[in-house]
mmCIF file of all heavy atoms, coordinates in Angstrom:
data_MODEL
# 
_entry.id   MODEL 
# 
loop_
_atom_site.group_PDB 
_atom_site.id 
_atom_site.type_symbol 
_atom_site.label_atom_id 
_atom_site.label_alt_id 
_atom_site.label_comp_id 
_atom_site.label_asym_id 
_atom_site.label_entity_id 
_atom_site.label_seq_id 
_atom_site.pdbx_PDB_ins_code 
_atom_site.Cartn_x 
_atom_site.Cartn_y 
_atom_site.Cartn_z 
_atom_site.occupancy 
_atom_site.B_iso_or_equiv 
_atom_site.pdbx_formal_charge 
_atom_site.auth_seq_id 
_atom_site.auth_comp_id 
_atom_site.auth_asym_id 
_atom_site.auth_atom_id 
_atom_site.pdbx_PDB_model_num 
ATOM 1   N N   . CYS A 1 1  ? -11.338 71.764 14.189 1.00 0.00 ? 1  CYS A N   1 
ATOM 2   C CA  . CYS A 1 1  ? -9.960  71.169 14.100 1.00 0.00 ? 1  CYS A CA  1 
ATOM 3   C C   . CYS A 1 1  ? -9.569  71.070 12.667 1.00 0.00 ? 1  CYS A C   1 
ATOM 4   O O   . CYS A 1 1  ? -10.322 70.519 11.782 1.00 0.00 ? 1  CYS A O   1 
ATOM 5   C CB  . CYS A 1 1  ? -9.971  69.834 14.775 1.00 0.00 ? 1  CYS A CB  1 
ATOM 6   S SG  . CYS A 1 1  ? -8.424  68.993 14.424 1.00 0.00 ? 1  CYS A SG  1 
ATOM 7   N N   . GLN A 1 2  ? -8.329  71.472 12.392 1.00 0.00 ? 2  GLN A N   1 
ATOM 8   C CA  . GLN A 1 2  ? -7.804  71.069 10.997 1.00 0.00 ? 2  GLN A CA  1 
ATOM 9   C C   . GLN A 1 2  ? -6.694  70.170 11.157 1.00 0.00 ? 2  GLN A C   1 
ATOM 10  O O   . GLN A 1 2  ? -6.163  70.038 12.347 1.00 0.00 ? 2  GLN A O   1 
ATOM 11  C CB  . GLN A 1 2  ? -7.279  72.549 10.337 1.00 0.00 ? 2  GLN A CB  1 
ATOM 12  C CG  . GLN A 1 2  ? -6.327  73.248 11.237 1.00 0.00 ? 2  GLN A CG  1 
ATOM 13  C CD  . GLN A 1 2  ? -5.753  74.409 10.503 1.00 0.00 ? 2  GLN A CD  1 
ATOM 14  O OE1 . GLN A 1 2  ? -5.234  75.436 11.120 1.00 0.00 ? 2  GLN A OE1 1 
ATOM 15  N NE2 . GLN A 1 2  ? -5.698  74.425 9.234  1.00 0.00 ? 2  GLN A NE2 1 
ATOM 16  N N   . ARG A 1 3  ? -6.439  69.430 10.127 1.00 0.00 ? 3  ARG A N   1 
ATOM 17  C CA  . ARG A 1 3  ? -5.267  68.390 10.185 1.00 0.00 ? 3  ARG A CA  1 
ATOM 18  C C   . ARG A 1 3  ? -4.243  68.951 9.340  1.00 0.00 ? 3  ARG A C   1 
ATOM 19  O O   . ARG A 1 3  ? -4.469  69.524 8.232  1.00 0.00 ? 3  ARG A O   1 
ATOM 20  C CB  . ARG A 1 3  ? -5.756  67.102 9.607  1.00 0.00 ? 3  ARG A CB  1 
ATOM 21  C CG  . ARG A 1 3  ? -6.838  66.535 10.318 1.00 0.00 ? 3  ARG A CG  1 
ATOM 22  C CD  . ARG A 1 3  ? -7.333  65.139 9.705  1.00 0.00 ? 3  ARG A CD  1 
ATOM 23  N NE  . ARG A 1 3  ? -6.475  64.092 10.244 1.00 0.00 ? 3  ARG A NE  1 
ATOM 24  C CZ  . ARG A 1 3  ? -6.778  63.292 11.110 1.00 0.00 ? 3  ARG A CZ  1 
ATOM 25  N NH1 . ARG A 1 3  ? -7.988  63.383 11.738 1.00 0.00 ? 3  ARG A NH1 1 
ATOM 26  N NH2 . ARG A 1 3  ? -5.966  62.410 11.589 1.00 0.00 ? 3  ARG A NH2 1 
ATOM 27  N N   . LEU A 1 4  ? -2.959  68.870 9.782  1.00 0.00 ? 4  LEU A N   1 
ATOM 28  C CA  . LEU A 1 4  ? -1.889  69.351 9.062  1.00 0.00 ? 4  LEU A CA  1 
ATOM 29  C C   . LEU A 1 4  ? -0.717  68.255 9.027  1.00 0.00 ? 4  LEU A C   1 
ATOM 30  O O   . LEU A 1 4  ? -0.674  67.525 9.947  1.00 0.00 ? 4  LEU A O   1 
ATOM 31  C CB  . LEU A 1 4  ? -1.246  70.670 9.690  1.00 0.00 ? 4  LEU A CB  1 
ATOM 32  C CG  . LEU A 1 4  ? -1.977  71.926 9.449  1.00 0.00 ? 4  LEU A CG  1 
ATOM 33  C CD1 . LEU A 1 4  ? -1.187  72.975 10.115 1.00 0.00 ? 4  LEU A CD1 1 
ATOM 34  C CD2 . LEU A 1 4  ? -2.120  72.264 7.912  1.00 0.00 ? 4  LEU A CD2 1 
ATOM 35  N N   . SER A 1 5  ? 0.019   68.185 8.000  1.00 0.00 ? 5  SER A N   1 
ATOM 36  C CA  . SER A 1 5  ? 1.161   67.253 8.065  1.00 0.00 ? 5  SER A CA  1 
ATOM 37  C C   . SER A 1 5  ? 2.114   67.744 9.040  1.00 0.00 ? 5  SER A C   1 
ATOM 38  O O   . SER A 1 5  ? 2.261   68.913 9.413  1.00 0.00 ? 5  SER A O   1 
ATOM 39  C CB  . SER A 1 5  ? 1.834   67.310 6.582  1.00 0.00 ? 5  SER A CB  1 
ATOM 40  O OG  . SER A 1 5  ? 2.471   68.645 6.407  1.00 0.00 ? 5  SER A OG  1 
ATOM 41  N N   . CYS A 1 6  ? 3.083   66.883 9.364  1.00 0.00 ? 6  CYS A N   1 
ATOM 42  C CA  . CYS A 1 6  ? 4.088   67.220 10.338 1.00 0.00 ? 6  CYS A CA  1 
ATOM 43  C C   . CYS A 1 6  ? 5.046   68.449 9.812  1.00 0.00 ? 6  CYS A C   1 
ATOM 44  O O   . CYS A 1 6  ? 5.364   69.348 10.491 1.00 0.00 ? 6  CYS A O   1 
ATOM 45  C CB  . CYS A 1 6  ? 5.140   65.998 10.497 1.00 0.00 ? 6  CYS A CB  1 
ATOM 46  S SG  . CYS A 1 6  ? 4.339   64.824 11.564 1.00 0.00 ? 6  CYS A SG  1 
ATOM 47  N N   . ALA A 1 7  ? 5.278   68.422 8.418  1.00 0.00 ? 7  ALA A N   1 
ATOM 48  C CA  . ALA A 1 7  ? 6.083   69.438 7.958  1.00 0.00 ? 7  ALA A CA  1 
ATOM 49  C C   . ALA A 1 7  ? 5.447   70.814 7.962  1.00 0.00 ? 7  ALA A C   1 
ATOM 50  O O   . ALA A 1 7  ? 6.074   71.865 8.491  1.00 0.00 ? 7  ALA A O   1 
ATOM 51  C CB  . ALA A 1 7  ? 6.393   69.131 6.421  1.00 0.00 ? 7  ALA A CB  1 
ATOM 52  N N   . ALA A 1 8  ? 4.160   70.790 7.794  1.00 0.00 ? 8  ALA A N   1 
ATOM 53  C CA  . ALA A 1 8  ? 3.439   72.094 7.947  1.00 0.00 ? 8  ALA A CA  1 
ATOM 54  C C   . ALA A 1 8  ? 3.387   72.591 9.360  1.00 0.00 ? 8  ALA A C   1 
ATOM 55  O O   . ALA A 1 8  ? 3.482   73.827 9.685  1.00 0.00 ? 8  ALA A O   1 
ATOM 56  C CB  . ALA A 1 8  ? 2.037   71.951 7.382  1.00 0.00 ? 8  ALA A CB  1 
ATOM 57  N N   . ALA A 1 9  ? 3.096   71.573 10.297 1.00 0.00 ? 9  ALA A N   1 
ATOM 58  C CA  . ALA A 1 9  ? 3.069   71.872 11.693 1.00 0.00 ? 9  ALA A CA  1 
ATOM 59  C C   . ALA A 1 9  ? 4.423   72.457 12.138 1.00 0.00 ? 9  ALA A C   1 
ATOM 60  O O   . ALA A 1 9  ? 4.505   73.251 12.988 1.00 0.00 ? 9  ALA A O   1 
ATOM 61  C CB  . ALA A 1 9  ? 2.586   70.646 12.505 1.00 0.00 ? 9  ALA A CB  1 
ATOM 62  N N   . ALA A 1 10 ? 5.541   71.792 11.664 1.00 0.00 ? 10 ALA A N   1 
ATOM 63  C CA  . ALA A 1 10 ? 6.835   72.147 12.109 1.00 0.00 ? 10 ALA A CA  1 
ATOM 64  C C   . ALA A 1 10 ? 7.094   73.740 11.687 1.00 0.00 ? 10 ALA A C   1 
ATOM 65  O O   . ALA A 1 10 ? 7.652   74.441 12.484 1.00 0.00 ? 10 ALA A O   1 
ATOM 66  C CB  . ALA A 1 10 ? 7.871   71.357 11.441 1.00 0.00 ? 10 ALA A CB  1 
ATOM 67  N N   . GLU A 1 11 ? 6.653   74.030 10.549 1.00 0.00 ? 11 GLU A N   1 
ATOM 68  C CA  . GLU A 1 11 ? 6.742   75.400 10.040 1.00 0.00 ? 11 GLU A CA  1 
ATOM 69  C C   . GLU A 1 11 ? 5.974   76.419 10.998 1.00 0.00 ? 11 GLU A C   1 
ATOM 70  O O   . GLU A 1 11 ? 6.519   77.427 11.374 1.00 0.00 ? 11 GLU A O   1 
ATOM 71  C CB  . GLU A 1 11 ? 6.243   75.604 8.673  1.00 0.00 ? 11 GLU A CB  1 
ATOM 72  C CG  . GLU A 1 11 ? 7.330   75.569 7.666  1.00 0.00 ? 11 GLU A CG  1 
ATOM 73  C CD  . GLU A 1 11 ? 6.795   75.700 6.208  1.00 0.00 ? 11 GLU A CD  1 
ATOM 74  O OE1 . GLU A 1 11 ? 5.948   76.572 5.943  1.00 0.00 ? 11 GLU A OE1 1 
ATOM 75  O OE2 . GLU A 1 11 ? 7.163   74.769 5.329  1.00 0.00 ? 11 GLU A OE2 1 
ATOM 76  N N   . LEU A 1 12 ? 4.808   75.961 11.260 1.00 0.00 ? 12 LEU A N   1 
ATOM 77  C CA  . LEU A 1 12 ? 3.946   76.831 12.138 1.00 0.00 ? 12 LEU A CA  1 
ATOM 78  C C   . LEU A 1 12 ? 4.544   77.110 13.594 1.00 0.00 ? 12 LEU A C   1 
ATOM 79  O O   . LEU A 1 12 ? 4.705   78.204 14.127 1.00 0.00 ? 12 LEU A O   1 
ATOM 80  C CB  . LEU A 1 12 ? 2.538   76.302 12.399 1.00 0.00 ? 12 LEU A CB  1 
ATOM 81  C CG  . LEU A 1 12 ? 1.523   76.624 11.299 1.00 0.00 ? 12 LEU A CG  1 
ATOM 82  C CD1 . LEU A 1 12 ? 0.217   75.869 11.721 1.00 0.00 ? 12 LEU A CD1 1 
ATOM 83  C CD2 . LEU A 1 12 ? 1.260   78.168 11.413 1.00 0.00 ? 12 LEU A CD2 1 
ATOM 84  N N   . ALA A 1 13 ? 5.149   75.960 14.137 1.00 0.00 ? 13 ALA A N   1 
ATOM 85  C CA  . ALA A 1 13 ? 5.642   75.920 15.420 1.00 0.00 ? 13 ALA A CA  1 
ATOM 86  C C   . ALA A 1 13 ? 7.025   76.834 15.432 1.00 0.00 ? 13 ALA A C   1 
ATOM 87  O O   . ALA A 1 13 ? 7.213   77.644 16.235 1.00 0.00 ? 13 ALA A O   1 
ATOM 88  C CB  . ALA A 1 13 ? 6.036   74.571 15.940 1.00 0.00 ? 13 ALA A CB  1 
ATOM 89  N N   . ALA A 1 14 ? 7.770   76.623 14.386 1.00 0.00 ? 14 ALA A N   1 
ATOM 90  C CA  . ALA A 1 14 ? 9.107   77.308 14.219 1.00 0.00 ? 14 ALA A CA  1 
ATOM 91  C C   . ALA A 1 14 ? 8.854   78.840 14.120 1.00 0.00 ? 14 ALA A C   1 
ATOM 92  O O   . ALA A 1 14 ? 9.614   79.633 14.577 1.00 0.00 ? 14 ALA A O   1 
ATOM 93  C CB  . ALA A 1 14 ? 9.913   76.685 13.093 1.00 0.00 ? 14 ALA A CB  1 
ATOM 94  N N   . SER A 1 15 ? 7.819   79.239 13.413 1.00 0.00 ? 15 SER A N   1 
ATOM 95  C CA  . SER A 1 15 ? 7.364   80.679 13.226 1.00 0.00 ? 15 SER A CA  1 
ATOM 96  C C   . SER A 1 15 ? 6.847   81.325 14.394 1.00 0.00 ? 15 SER A C   1 
ATOM 97  O O   . SER A 1 15 ? 6.725   82.606 14.507 1.00 0.00 ? 15 SER A O   1 
ATOM 98  C CB  . SER A 1 15 ? 6.452   80.846 12.065 1.00 0.00 ? 15 SER A CB  1 
ATOM 99  O OG  . SER A 1 15 ? 5.128   80.449 12.664 1.00 0.00 ? 15 SER A OG  1 
ATOM 100 N N   . GLY A 1 16 ? 6.531   80.520 15.411 1.00 0.00 ? 16 GLY A N   1 
ATOM 101 C CA  . GLY A 1 16 ? 5.954   81.127 16.648 1.00 0.00 ? 16 GLY A CA  1 
ATOM 102 C C   . GLY A 1 16 ? 4.425   81.281 16.609 1.00 0.00 ? 16 GLY A C   1 
ATOM 103 O O   . GLY A 1 16 ? 3.862   81.817 17.536 1.00 0.00 ? 16 GLY A O   1 
ATOM 104 N N   . ALA A 1 17 ? 3.853   80.936 15.394 1.00 0.00 ? 17 ALA A N   1 
ATOM 105 C CA  . ALA A 1 17 ? 2.377   81.163 15.174 1.00 0.00 ? 17 ALA A CA  1 
ATOM 106 C C   . ALA A 1 17 ? 1.582   80.144 15.935 1.00 0.00 ? 17 ALA A C   1 
ATOM 107 O O   . ALA A 1 17 ? 0.421   80.407 16.271 1.00 0.00 ? 17 ALA A O   1 
ATOM 108 C CB  . ALA A 1 17 ? 2.109   81.072 13.722 1.00 0.00 ? 17 ALA A CB  1 
ATOM 109 N N   . ALA A 1 18 ? 2.194   78.971 16.366 1.00 0.00 ? 18 ALA A N   1 
ATOM 110 C CA  . ALA A 1 18 ? 1.399   78.039 17.063 1.00 0.00 ? 18 ALA A CA  1 
ATOM 111 C C   . ALA A 1 18 ? 2.338   77.271 18.086 1.00 0.00 ? 18 ALA A C   1 
ATOM 112 O O   . ALA A 1 18 ? 3.569   77.294 17.944 1.00 0.00 ? 18 ALA A O   1 
ATOM 113 C CB  . ALA A 1 18 ? 0.892   76.953 16.031 1.00 0.00 ? 18 ALA A CB  1 
ATOM 114 N N   . ARG A 1 19 ? 1.693   76.614 19.086 1.00 0.00 ? 19 ARG A N   1 
ATOM 115 C CA  . ARG A 1 19 ? 2.350   75.855 20.087 1.00 0.00 ? 19 ARG A CA  1 
ATOM 116 C C   . ARG A 1 19 ? 2.057   74.479 19.913 1.00 0.00 ? 19 ARG A C   1 
ATOM 117 O O   . ARG A 1 19 ? 0.972   74.088 19.689 1.00 0.00 ? 19 ARG A O   1 
ATOM 118 C CB  . ARG A 1 19 ? 1.996   76.422 21.460 1.00 0.00 ? 19 ARG A CB  1 
ATOM 119 C CG  . ARG A 1 19 ? 2.921   75.926 22.566 1.00 0.00 ? 19 ARG A CG  1 
ATOM 120 C CD  . ARG A 1 19 ? 2.995   76.749 23.734 1.00 0.00 ? 19 ARG A CD  1 
ATOM 121 N NE  . ARG A 1 19 ? 1.714   77.189 24.170 1.00 0.00 ? 19 ARG A NE  1 
ATOM 122 C CZ  . ARG A 1 19 ? 1.387   77.381 25.590 1.00 0.00 ? 19 ARG A CZ  1 
ATOM 123 N NH1 . ARG A 1 19 ? 2.248   77.048 26.449 1.00 0.00 ? 19 ARG A NH1 1 
ATOM 124 N NH2 . ARG A 1 19 ? 0.231   77.808 25.999 1.00 0.00 ? 19 ARG A NH2 1 
ATOM 125 N N   . TYR A 1 20 ? 3.155   73.685 20.050 1.00 0.00 ? 20 TYR A N   1 
ATOM 126 C CA  . TYR A 1 20 ? 2.979   72.171 19.932 1.00 0.00 ? 20 TYR A CA  1 
ATOM 127 C C   . TYR A 1 20 ? 2.757   71.564 21.254 1.00 0.00 ? 20 TYR A C   1 
ATOM 128 O O   . TYR A 1 20 ? 3.533   71.796 22.236 1.00 0.00 ? 20 TYR A O   1 
ATOM 129 C CB  . TYR A 1 20 ? 4.168   71.525 19.264 1.00 0.00 ? 20 TYR A CB  1 
ATOM 130 C CG  . TYR A 1 20 ? 4.064   70.109 18.801 1.00 0.00 ? 20 TYR A CG  1 
ATOM 131 C CD1 . TYR A 1 20 ? 3.927   69.805 17.434 1.00 0.00 ? 20 TYR A CD1 1 
ATOM 132 C CD2 . TYR A 1 20 ? 3.894   69.085 19.740 1.00 0.00 ? 20 TYR A CD2 1 
ATOM 133 C CE1 . TYR A 1 20 ? 3.814   68.497 17.035 1.00 0.00 ? 20 TYR A CE1 1 
ATOM 134 C CE2 . TYR A 1 20 ? 3.829   67.771 19.265 1.00 0.00 ? 20 TYR A CE2 1 
ATOM 135 C CZ  . TYR A 1 20 ? 3.721   67.432 17.964 1.00 0.00 ? 20 TYR A CZ  1 
ATOM 136 O OH  . TYR A 1 20 ? 3.625   66.198 17.559 1.00 0.00 ? 20 TYR A OH  1 
ATOM 137 N N   . VAL A 1 21 ? 1.651   70.882 21.470 1.00 0.00 ? 21 VAL A N   1 
ATOM 138 C CA  . VAL A 1 21 ? 1.173   70.160 22.651 1.00 0.00 ? 21 VAL A CA  1 
ATOM 139 C C   . VAL A 1 21 ? 1.404   68.678 22.401 1.00 0.00 ? 21 VAL A C   1 
ATOM 140 O O   . VAL A 1 21 ? 0.508   68.175 21.552 1.00 0.00 ? 21 VAL A O   1 
ATOM 141 C CB  . VAL A 1 21 ? -0.187  70.600 23.229 1.00 0.00 ? 21 VAL A CB  1 
ATOM 142 C CG1 . VAL A 1 21 ? -0.348  69.949 24.632 1.00 0.00 ? 21 VAL A CG1 1 
ATOM 143 C CG2 . VAL A 1 21 ? -0.180  72.146 23.302 1.00 0.00 ? 21 VAL A CG2 1 
ATOM 144 N N   . ASP A 1 22 ? 2.180   67.979 23.056 1.00 0.00 ? 22 ASP A N   1 
ATOM 145 C CA  . ASP A 1 22 ? 2.345   66.596 22.898 1.00 0.00 ? 22 ASP A CA  1 
ATOM 146 C C   . ASP A 1 22 ? 1.565   65.958 23.959 1.00 0.00 ? 22 ASP A C   1 
ATOM 147 O O   . ASP A 1 22 ? 1.658   66.108 25.174 1.00 0.00 ? 22 ASP A O   1 
ATOM 148 C CB  . ASP A 1 22 ? 3.806   66.301 23.184 1.00 0.00 ? 22 ASP A CB  1 
ATOM 149 C CG  . ASP A 1 22 ? 4.224   64.847 22.773 1.00 0.00 ? 22 ASP A CG  1 
ATOM 150 O OD1 . ASP A 1 22 ? 3.530   64.005 23.048 1.00 0.00 ? 22 ASP A OD1 1 
ATOM 151 O OD2 . ASP A 1 22 ? 5.438   64.771 22.252 1.00 0.00 ? 22 ASP A OD2 1 
ATOM 152 N N   . VAL A 1 23 ? 0.613   64.989 23.552 1.00 0.00 ? 23 VAL A N   1 
ATOM 153 C CA  . VAL A 1 23 ? -0.378  64.344 24.475 1.00 0.00 ? 23 VAL A CA  1 
ATOM 154 C C   . VAL A 1 23 ? 0.090   62.937 24.762 1.00 0.00 ? 23 VAL A C   1 
ATOM 155 O O   . VAL A 1 23 ? -0.665  62.136 25.333 1.00 0.00 ? 23 VAL A O   1 
ATOM 156 C CB  . VAL A 1 23 ? -1.825  64.419 23.938 1.00 0.00 ? 23 VAL A CB  1 
ATOM 157 C CG1 . VAL A 1 23 ? -2.287  65.865 23.952 1.00 0.00 ? 23 VAL A CG1 1 
ATOM 158 C CG2 . VAL A 1 23 ? -1.964  63.771 22.610 1.00 0.00 ? 23 VAL A CG2 1 
ATOM 159 N N   . ARG A 1 24 ? 1.276   62.536 24.417 1.00 0.00 ? 24 ARG A N   1 
ATOM 160 C CA  . ARG A 1 24 ? 1.844   61.283 24.701 1.00 0.00 ? 24 ARG A CA  1 
ATOM 161 C C   . ARG A 1 24 ? 2.209   61.235 26.198 1.00 0.00 ? 24 ARG A C   1 
ATOM 162 O O   . ARG A 1 24 ? 2.099   62.132 26.964 1.00 0.00 ? 24 ARG A O   1 
ATOM 163 C CB  . ARG A 1 24 ? 3.100   60.925 23.938 1.00 0.00 ? 24 ARG A CB  1 
ATOM 164 C CG  . ARG A 1 24 ? 2.855   60.788 22.395 1.00 0.00 ? 24 ARG A CG  1 
ATOM 165 C CD  . ARG A 1 24 ? 4.208   60.643 21.743 1.00 0.00 ? 24 ARG A CD  1 
ATOM 166 N NE  . ARG A 1 24 ? 5.060   61.726 21.963 1.00 0.00 ? 24 ARG A NE  1 
ATOM 167 C CZ  . ARG A 1 24 ? 6.327   61.550 21.920 1.00 0.00 ? 24 ARG A CZ  1 
ATOM 168 N NH1 . ARG A 1 24 ? 6.968   60.487 21.651 1.00 0.00 ? 24 ARG A NH1 1 
ATOM 169 N NH2 . ARG A 1 24 ? 7.195   62.539 22.218 1.00 0.00 ? 24 ARG A NH2 1 
ATOM 170 N N   . THR A 1 25 ? 2.630   59.939 26.661 1.00 0.00 ? 25 THR A N   1 
ATOM 171 C CA  . THR A 1 25 ? 2.851   59.825 28.197 1.00 0.00 ? 25 THR A CA  1 
ATOM 172 C C   . THR A 1 25 ? 4.199   60.629 28.557 1.00 0.00 ? 25 THR A C   1 
ATOM 173 O O   . THR A 1 25 ? 4.964   60.869 27.558 1.00 0.00 ? 25 THR A O   1 
ATOM 174 C CB  . THR A 1 25 ? 3.091   58.280 28.582 1.00 0.00 ? 25 THR A CB  1 
ATOM 175 O OG1 . THR A 1 25 ? 4.196   57.872 27.849 1.00 0.00 ? 25 THR A OG1 1 
ATOM 176 C CG2 . THR A 1 25 ? 1.865   57.497 28.103 1.00 0.00 ? 25 THR A CG2 1 
ATOM 177 N N   . PRO A 1 26 ? 4.416   60.928 29.805 1.00 0.00 ? 26 PRO A N   1 
ATOM 178 C CA  . PRO A 1 26 ? 5.727   61.628 30.115 1.00 0.00 ? 26 PRO A CA  1 
ATOM 179 C C   . PRO A 1 26 ? 6.941   60.813 29.746 1.00 0.00 ? 26 PRO A C   1 
ATOM 180 O O   . PRO A 1 26 ? 7.828   61.358 29.416 1.00 0.00 ? 26 PRO A O   1 
ATOM 181 C CB  . PRO A 1 26 ? 5.569   61.698 31.652 1.00 0.00 ? 26 PRO A CB  1 
ATOM 182 C CG  . PRO A 1 26 ? 4.101   61.719 31.885 1.00 0.00 ? 26 PRO A CG  1 
ATOM 183 C CD  . PRO A 1 26 ? 3.491   60.843 30.873 1.00 0.00 ? 26 PRO A CD  1 
ATOM 184 N N   . GLU A 1 27 ? 6.730   59.381 29.898 1.00 0.00 ? 27 GLU A N   1 
ATOM 185 C CA  . GLU A 1 27 ? 7.879   58.530 29.533 1.00 0.00 ? 27 GLU A CA  1 
ATOM 186 C C   . GLU A 1 27 ? 8.174   58.692 28.029 1.00 0.00 ? 27 GLU A C   1 
ATOM 187 O O   . GLU A 1 27 ? 9.414   58.786 27.618 1.00 0.00 ? 27 GLU A O   1 
ATOM 188 C CB  . GLU A 1 27 ? 7.454   57.090 29.721 1.00 0.00 ? 27 GLU A CB  1 
ATOM 189 C CG  . GLU A 1 27 ? 7.286   56.812 31.248 1.00 0.00 ? 27 GLU A CG  1 
ATOM 190 C CD  . GLU A 1 27 ? 5.961   57.104 31.765 1.00 0.00 ? 27 GLU A CD  1 
ATOM 191 O OE1 . GLU A 1 27 ? 5.082   57.597 31.010 1.00 0.00 ? 27 GLU A OE1 1 
ATOM 192 O OE2 . GLU A 1 27 ? 5.782   56.894 32.955 1.00 0.00 ? 27 GLU A OE2 1 
ATOM 193 N N   . GLU A 1 28 ? 7.206   58.669 27.100 1.00 0.00 ? 28 GLU A N   1 
ATOM 194 C CA  . GLU A 1 28 ? 7.440   58.796 25.624 1.00 0.00 ? 28 GLU A CA  1 
ATOM 195 C C   . GLU A 1 28 ? 8.012   60.204 25.414 1.00 0.00 ? 28 GLU A C   1 
ATOM 196 O O   . GLU A 1 28 ? 9.020   60.259 24.574 1.00 0.00 ? 28 GLU A O   1 
ATOM 197 C CB  . GLU A 1 28 ? 6.066   58.787 24.891 1.00 0.00 ? 28 GLU A CB  1 
ATOM 198 C CG  . GLU A 1 28 ? 5.502   57.255 24.869 1.00 0.00 ? 28 GLU A CG  1 
ATOM 199 C CD  . GLU A 1 28 ? 4.009   57.345 24.227 1.00 0.00 ? 28 GLU A CD  1 
ATOM 200 O OE1 . GLU A 1 28 ? 3.208   57.884 24.885 1.00 0.00 ? 28 GLU A OE1 1 
ATOM 201 O OE2 . GLU A 1 28 ? 3.941   56.779 23.124 1.00 0.00 ? 28 GLU A OE2 1 
ATOM 202 N N   . PHE A 1 29 ? 7.488   61.204 26.090 1.00 0.00 ? 29 PHE A N   1 
ATOM 203 C CA  . PHE A 1 29 ? 7.959   62.522 25.829 1.00 0.00 ? 29 PHE A CA  1 
ATOM 204 C C   . PHE A 1 29 ? 9.467   62.749 26.258 1.00 0.00 ? 29 PHE A C   1 
ATOM 205 O O   . PHE A 1 29 ? 10.354  63.318 25.415 1.00 0.00 ? 29 PHE A O   1 
ATOM 206 C CB  . PHE A 1 29 ? 7.166   63.513 26.681 1.00 0.00 ? 29 PHE A CB  1 
ATOM 207 C CG  . PHE A 1 29 ? 7.392   65.060 26.513 1.00 0.00 ? 29 PHE A CG  1 
ATOM 208 C CD1 . PHE A 1 29 ? 6.864   65.553 25.379 1.00 0.00 ? 29 PHE A CD1 1 
ATOM 209 C CD2 . PHE A 1 29 ? 8.193   65.779 27.333 1.00 0.00 ? 29 PHE A CD2 1 
ATOM 210 C CE1 . PHE A 1 29 ? 7.082   67.060 25.140 1.00 0.00 ? 29 PHE A CE1 1 
ATOM 211 C CE2 . PHE A 1 29 ? 8.392   67.094 27.054 1.00 0.00 ? 29 PHE A CE2 1 
ATOM 212 C CZ  . PHE A 1 29 ? 7.853   67.743 25.982 1.00 0.00 ? 29 PHE A CZ  1 
# 
């Protein structure tokens, strides 16, 4: 596992290189 800042994660997700999986509750989501 690597740790990334939100800004770096947002870039990866926007580029299509990675998928964001939210593990919060359905209500929070």
